[in-house]
């Protein structure tokens, strides 16, 4: 149990003689160890008939003996606390066990283990410092249907929207030019087109309140192909990288 801090405030004791009284804590006037804290439910169970009031203080008979409570006024005597002692603290132990935060190791599934092995085996570093990793397909080659027709239709919708908003068009073109300059994409010729390719639809998202990037392009790899499957459907998702919300909410308790 926590230790009680020494008090510096003074108070007046009631004009009672404690020589003939059976107190629950005969040394209540001296700081000491707290053995147990009783809740309101237990407190009501230990109260017995017998109550005396004097000078703003109350002397109450309990199962453990008499206890003294009440207000105080400044004097030269240090303030002291009455403590009710009890032996059974098993309920408190159970409470501490329930409230304990356990540091459990994350157990990976078979798919997650495969993903980790795939990442370690296929990740390479390029001369320019960038990294390349193969897509973690669930099956190879992936069984994907035609995706070009739907991607072109989505692109035409984007073009129509850009014609109606010159500011959005300017930001979109700047974004795509940056993608070309950084080597994130390249122009596809007729010779480069293959039937097994997956064409990813995209659209522009404008956020005027952003202080950094007002426009970003979102690529939709969940778009279904002609056979009802998408690129995301054919890829392993890998283990969870972010923390559980309960761990984040309870993190402050670790301190």
Protein backbone atom coordinates (compact mmCIF):
# COMPACT_ATOMS: atom_id res chain seq x y z
CA UNK A 1 0.00 0.00 0.00
CA UNK A 2 1.25 3.59 -0.55
CA UNK A 3 2.98 5.34 2.33
CA UNK A 4 1.21 8.32 3.90
CA UNK A 5 3.04 11.61 3.57
CA UNK A 6 3.86 13.60 6.71
CA UNK A 7 1.47 16.51 7.23
CA UNK A 8 2.59 19.96 8.32
CA UNK A 9 -0.84 21.52 9.04
CA UNK A 10 -1.91 21.72 12.73
CA UNK A 11 -5.33 20.92 14.22
CA UNK A 12 -7.15 20.72 17.59
CA UNK A 13 -7.98 17.31 19.10
CA UNK A 14 -11.41 16.96 20.74
CA UNK A 15 -11.52 17.23 24.51
CA UNK A 16 -11.94 13.49 24.99
CA UNK A 17 -9.93 11.15 27.12
CA UNK A 18 -8.81 8.15 25.03
CA UNK A 19 -7.54 6.18 28.01
CA UNK A 20 -10.85 4.35 28.54
CA UNK A 21 -11.70 3.99 24.84
CA UNK A 22 -10.98 1.03 22.57
CA UNK A 23 -9.75 2.75 19.42
CA UNK A 24 -9.51 1.02 16.05
CA UNK A 25 -6.04 2.56 15.71
CA UNK A 26 -4.48 3.50 19.08
CA UNK A 27 -1.61 5.23 17.26
CA UNK A 28 -3.82 7.26 14.91
CA UNK A 29 -1.95 10.45 15.89
CA UNK A 30 1.33 9.17 14.36
CA UNK A 31 2.12 8.78 10.65
CA UNK A 32 2.40 5.16 9.58
CA UNK A 33 1.83 2.53 6.94
CA UNK A 34 -1.63 2.26 5.34
CA UNK A 35 -2.69 -1.38 5.44
CA UNK A 36 -5.91 -1.15 3.42
CA UNK A 37 -8.37 1.35 1.99
CA UNK A 38 -12.05 0.55 2.59
CA UNK A 39 -14.72 1.52 0.07
CA UNK A 40 -18.16 2.87 0.95
CA UNK A 41 -19.72 -0.61 0.75
CA UNK A 42 -17.31 -2.09 3.30
CA UNK A 43 -17.46 0.99 5.50
CA UNK A 44 -21.22 0.65 5.98
CA UNK A 45 -20.77 -3.00 7.01
CA UNK A 46 -18.34 -2.23 9.85
CA UNK A 47 -20.42 0.58 11.45
CA UNK A 48 -22.03 -0.35 14.80
CA UNK A 49 -24.53 1.52 17.01
CA UNK A 50 -22.85 4.13 19.15
CA UNK A 51 -22.04 7.67 18.09
CA UNK A 52 -20.85 10.69 20.07
CA UNK A 53 -20.42 14.25 18.83
CA UNK A 54 -18.31 16.93 20.51
CA UNK A 55 -16.67 20.16 19.31
CA UNK A 56 -17.23 19.26 15.65
CA UNK A 57 -15.75 15.79 16.03
CA UNK A 58 -17.49 12.42 15.81
CA UNK A 59 -16.61 9.27 17.71
CA UNK A 60 -18.15 6.23 16.00
CA UNK A 61 -18.23 2.62 17.22
CA UNK A 62 -17.15 0.05 14.55
CA UNK A 63 -16.29 -3.64 14.31
CA UNK A 64 -12.62 -2.71 14.78
CA UNK A 65 -13.14 -0.27 17.64
CA UNK A 66 -13.93 3.42 17.82
CA UNK A 67 -12.86 5.82 15.09
CA UNK A 68 -12.65 9.60 15.33
CA UNK A 69 -13.43 11.91 12.41
CA UNK A 70 -14.31 15.53 11.83
CA UNK A 71 -12.94 18.92 10.84
CA UNK A 72 -9.92 20.67 12.27
CA UNK A 73 -8.59 24.13 12.94
CA UNK A 74 -4.95 25.34 12.90
CA UNK A 75 -2.92 24.85 16.09
CA UNK A 76 0.61 23.89 16.91
CA UNK A 77 -0.11 20.16 16.70
CA UNK A 78 0.53 18.41 13.37
CA UNK A 79 -2.48 16.98 11.50
CA UNK A 80 -2.85 13.21 11.76
CA UNK A 81 -5.07 10.64 10.02
CA UNK A 82 -7.13 7.78 11.38
CA UNK A 83 -6.49 4.44 9.65
CA UNK A 84 -8.73 1.38 9.82
CA UNK A 85 -6.67 -1.80 9.69
CA UNK A 86 -7.80 -5.06 8.09
CA UNK A 87 -6.06 -8.26 7.01
CA UNK A 88 -7.90 -9.36 3.84
CA UNK A 89 -6.52 -7.56 0.77
CA UNK A 90 -7.18 -10.34 -1.77
CA UNK A 91 -9.71 -8.20 -3.64
CA UNK A 92 -7.09 -5.53 -4.18
CA UNK A 93 -4.68 -8.11 -5.59
CA UNK A 94 -7.32 -9.21 -8.09
CA UNK A 95 -7.92 -5.59 -9.07
CA UNK A 96 -4.20 -5.04 -9.74
CA UNK A 97 -4.05 -8.19 -11.89
CA UNK A 98 -7.02 -7.05 -13.99
CA UNK A 99 -5.55 -3.58 -14.47
CA UNK A 100 -2.06 -4.80 -15.42
CA UNK A 101 -0.92 -3.96 -18.95
CA UNK A 102 0.72 -7.04 -20.44
CA UNK A 103 3.39 -6.74 -23.12
CA UNK A 104 2.31 -9.56 -25.42
CA UNK A 105 4.40 -10.50 -28.44
CA UNK A 106 2.60 -10.31 -31.76
CA UNK A 107 1.98 -13.73 -33.32
CA UNK A 108 2.22 -13.75 -37.14
CA UNK A 109 -0.04 -15.89 -39.30
CA UNK A 110 1.26 -18.15 -42.08
CA UNK A 111 0.43 -15.48 -44.68
CA UNK A 112 2.26 -12.82 -42.65
CA UNK A 113 5.34 -15.05 -42.31
CA UNK A 114 5.32 -15.67 -46.07
CA UNK A 115 5.07 -11.92 -46.67
CA UNK A 116 8.05 -11.23 -44.38
CA UNK A 117 10.17 -13.87 -46.15
CA UNK A 118 9.15 -12.52 -49.56
CA UNK A 119 10.12 -8.98 -48.52
CA UNK A 120 13.55 -10.07 -47.23
CA UNK A 121 14.33 -12.15 -50.35
CA UNK A 122 13.21 -9.73 -53.08
CA UNK A 123 14.11 -6.31 -51.70
CA UNK A 124 17.12 -4.72 -53.43
CA UNK A 125 18.71 -1.29 -53.25
CA UNK A 126 19.26 0.62 -56.49
CA UNK A 127 22.37 2.71 -57.32
CA UNK A 128 20.38 5.93 -56.73
CA UNK A 129 19.54 4.84 -53.16
CA UNK A 130 15.94 3.81 -53.81
CA UNK A 131 14.58 0.34 -53.07
CA UNK A 132 12.76 -2.18 -55.27
CA UNK A 133 10.64 -5.09 -54.04
CA UNK A 134 8.57 -7.60 -56.00
CA UNK A 135 4.81 -7.54 -55.53
CA UNK A 136 3.76 -10.27 -53.05
CA UNK A 137 1.27 -12.15 -55.22
CA UNK A 138 -0.85 -14.86 -53.62
CA UNK A 139 -0.57 -16.83 -56.87
CA UNK A 140 1.67 -16.45 -59.88
CA UNK A 141 0.84 -15.52 -62.49
CA UNK A 142 -2.16 -13.63 -61.04
CA UNK A 143 -5.48 -14.36 -62.73
CA UNK A 144 -6.66 -10.84 -63.64
CA UNK A 145 -9.19 -9.85 -66.27
CA UNK A 146 -9.19 -6.84 -68.57
CA UNK A 147 -8.63 -3.55 -66.71
CA UNK A 148 -7.76 -1.07 -69.47
CA UNK A 149 -11.34 -0.27 -70.51
CA UNK A 150 -12.44 0.74 -67.01
CA UNK A 151 -9.21 2.67 -66.34
CA UNK A 152 -9.63 4.67 -69.57
CA UNK A 153 -13.26 5.44 -68.68
CA UNK A 154 -12.17 6.76 -65.27
CA UNK A 155 -9.42 8.82 -66.92
CA UNK A 156 -11.93 10.45 -69.25
CA UNK A 157 -14.02 11.41 -66.20
CA UNK A 158 -10.93 13.03 -64.67
CA UNK A 159 -10.25 14.92 -67.91
CA UNK A 160 -13.83 16.20 -67.97
CA UNK A 161 -13.51 17.44 -64.39
CA UNK A 162 -10.20 19.17 -65.14
CA UNK A 163 -11.71 21.09 -68.05
CA UNK A 164 -14.29 22.53 -65.67
CA UNK A 165 -11.73 23.64 -63.07
CA UNK A 166 -8.60 25.41 -64.38
CA UNK A 167 -6.92 25.57 -60.95
CA UNK A 168 -7.41 21.84 -60.40
CA UNK A 169 -6.08 21.17 -63.90
CA UNK A 170 -2.92 23.19 -63.22
CA UNK A 171 -2.21 21.36 -59.94
CA UNK A 172 -2.92 17.98 -61.52
CA UNK A 173 -0.55 18.58 -64.43
CA UNK A 174 2.18 19.75 -62.02
CA UNK A 175 1.74 16.58 -59.97
CA UNK A 176 2.02 14.34 -63.01
CA UNK A 177 5.10 16.20 -64.32
CA UNK A 178 6.77 15.63 -60.95
CA UNK A 179 5.94 11.91 -61.17
CA UNK A 180 7.65 11.76 -64.59
CA UNK A 181 10.73 13.68 -63.42
CA UNK A 182 11.14 11.47 -60.32
CA UNK A 183 10.83 8.29 -62.41
CA UNK A 184 7.72 7.06 -60.61
CA UNK A 185 6.04 6.54 -64.00
CA UNK A 186 6.91 6.58 -67.69
CA UNK A 187 5.05 7.00 -70.95
CA UNK A 188 3.64 3.74 -72.29
CA UNK A 189 3.88 3.08 -76.02
CA UNK A 190 1.85 0.65 -78.10
CA UNK A 191 4.78 -1.78 -78.06
CA UNK A 192 4.81 -1.78 -74.24
CA UNK A 193 1.16 -2.81 -73.93
CA UNK A 194 0.59 -6.40 -72.77
CA UNK A 195 -2.60 -8.31 -72.08
CA UNK A 196 -1.58 -9.31 -68.54
CA UNK A 197 -1.00 -5.71 -67.40
CA UNK A 198 -3.18 -4.12 -64.73
CA UNK A 199 -4.19 -0.53 -65.45
CA UNK A 200 -4.76 1.37 -62.22
CA UNK A 201 -7.51 4.03 -62.35
CA UNK A 202 -6.76 7.26 -60.54
CA UNK A 203 -8.41 10.56 -59.59
CA UNK A 204 -7.36 13.87 -58.09
CA UNK A 205 -8.25 14.95 -54.55
CA UNK A 206 -8.05 18.67 -53.75
CA UNK A 207 -7.74 19.91 -50.17
CA UNK A 208 -7.58 23.70 -50.02
CA UNK A 209 -6.94 23.77 -46.25
CA UNK A 210 -3.67 21.82 -46.58
CA UNK A 211 -0.54 23.93 -45.95
CA UNK A 212 1.76 21.56 -47.87
CA UNK A 213 0.22 19.44 -50.63
CA UNK A 214 -3.12 20.85 -51.75
CA UNK A 215 -3.60 18.18 -54.43
CA UNK A 216 -2.81 14.49 -54.35
CA UNK A 217 -3.59 11.76 -56.86
CA UNK A 218 -5.21 8.63 -55.50
CA UNK A 219 -4.55 5.34 -57.31
CA UNK A 220 -7.36 2.79 -56.98
CA UNK A 221 -5.84 -0.71 -57.06
CA UNK A 222 -9.12 -2.09 -55.65
CA UNK A 223 -10.91 -1.42 -58.95
CA UNK A 224 -12.35 -4.70 -60.29
CA UNK A 225 -11.32 -6.13 -63.65
CA UNK A 226 -13.60 -7.95 -66.11
CA UNK A 227 -13.39 -11.22 -64.10
CA UNK A 228 -14.40 -9.52 -60.81
CA UNK A 229 -10.95 -9.45 -59.18
CA UNK A 230 -8.57 -6.55 -58.56
CA UNK A 231 -4.83 -6.16 -58.05
CA UNK A 232 -5.32 -5.79 -54.29
CA UNK A 233 -7.27 -9.05 -54.22
CA UNK A 234 -4.24 -10.90 -55.60
CA UNK A 235 -1.69 -9.46 -53.13
CA UNK A 236 -0.76 -10.41 -49.59
CA UNK A 237 -1.56 -7.54 -47.22
CA UNK A 238 1.26 -8.38 -44.80
CA UNK A 239 1.28 -8.04 -41.00
CA UNK A 240 -0.35 -5.11 -39.23
CA UNK A 241 2.13 -2.24 -38.97
CA UNK A 242 0.18 0.21 -36.81
CA UNK A 243 -0.48 -0.29 -33.10
CA UNK A 244 -3.83 -1.41 -31.72
CA UNK A 245 -6.03 1.49 -30.60
CA UNK A 246 -6.31 0.08 -27.07
CA UNK A 247 -2.50 0.14 -26.72
CA UNK A 248 -2.40 3.78 -27.82
CA UNK A 249 -5.16 4.83 -25.41
CA UNK A 250 -3.52 3.07 -22.45
CA UNK A 251 0.09 4.10 -23.23
CA UNK A 252 0.02 6.87 -20.61
CA UNK A 253 -0.42 4.26 -17.88
CA UNK A 254 3.02 2.80 -18.55
CA UNK A 255 4.54 5.90 -16.93
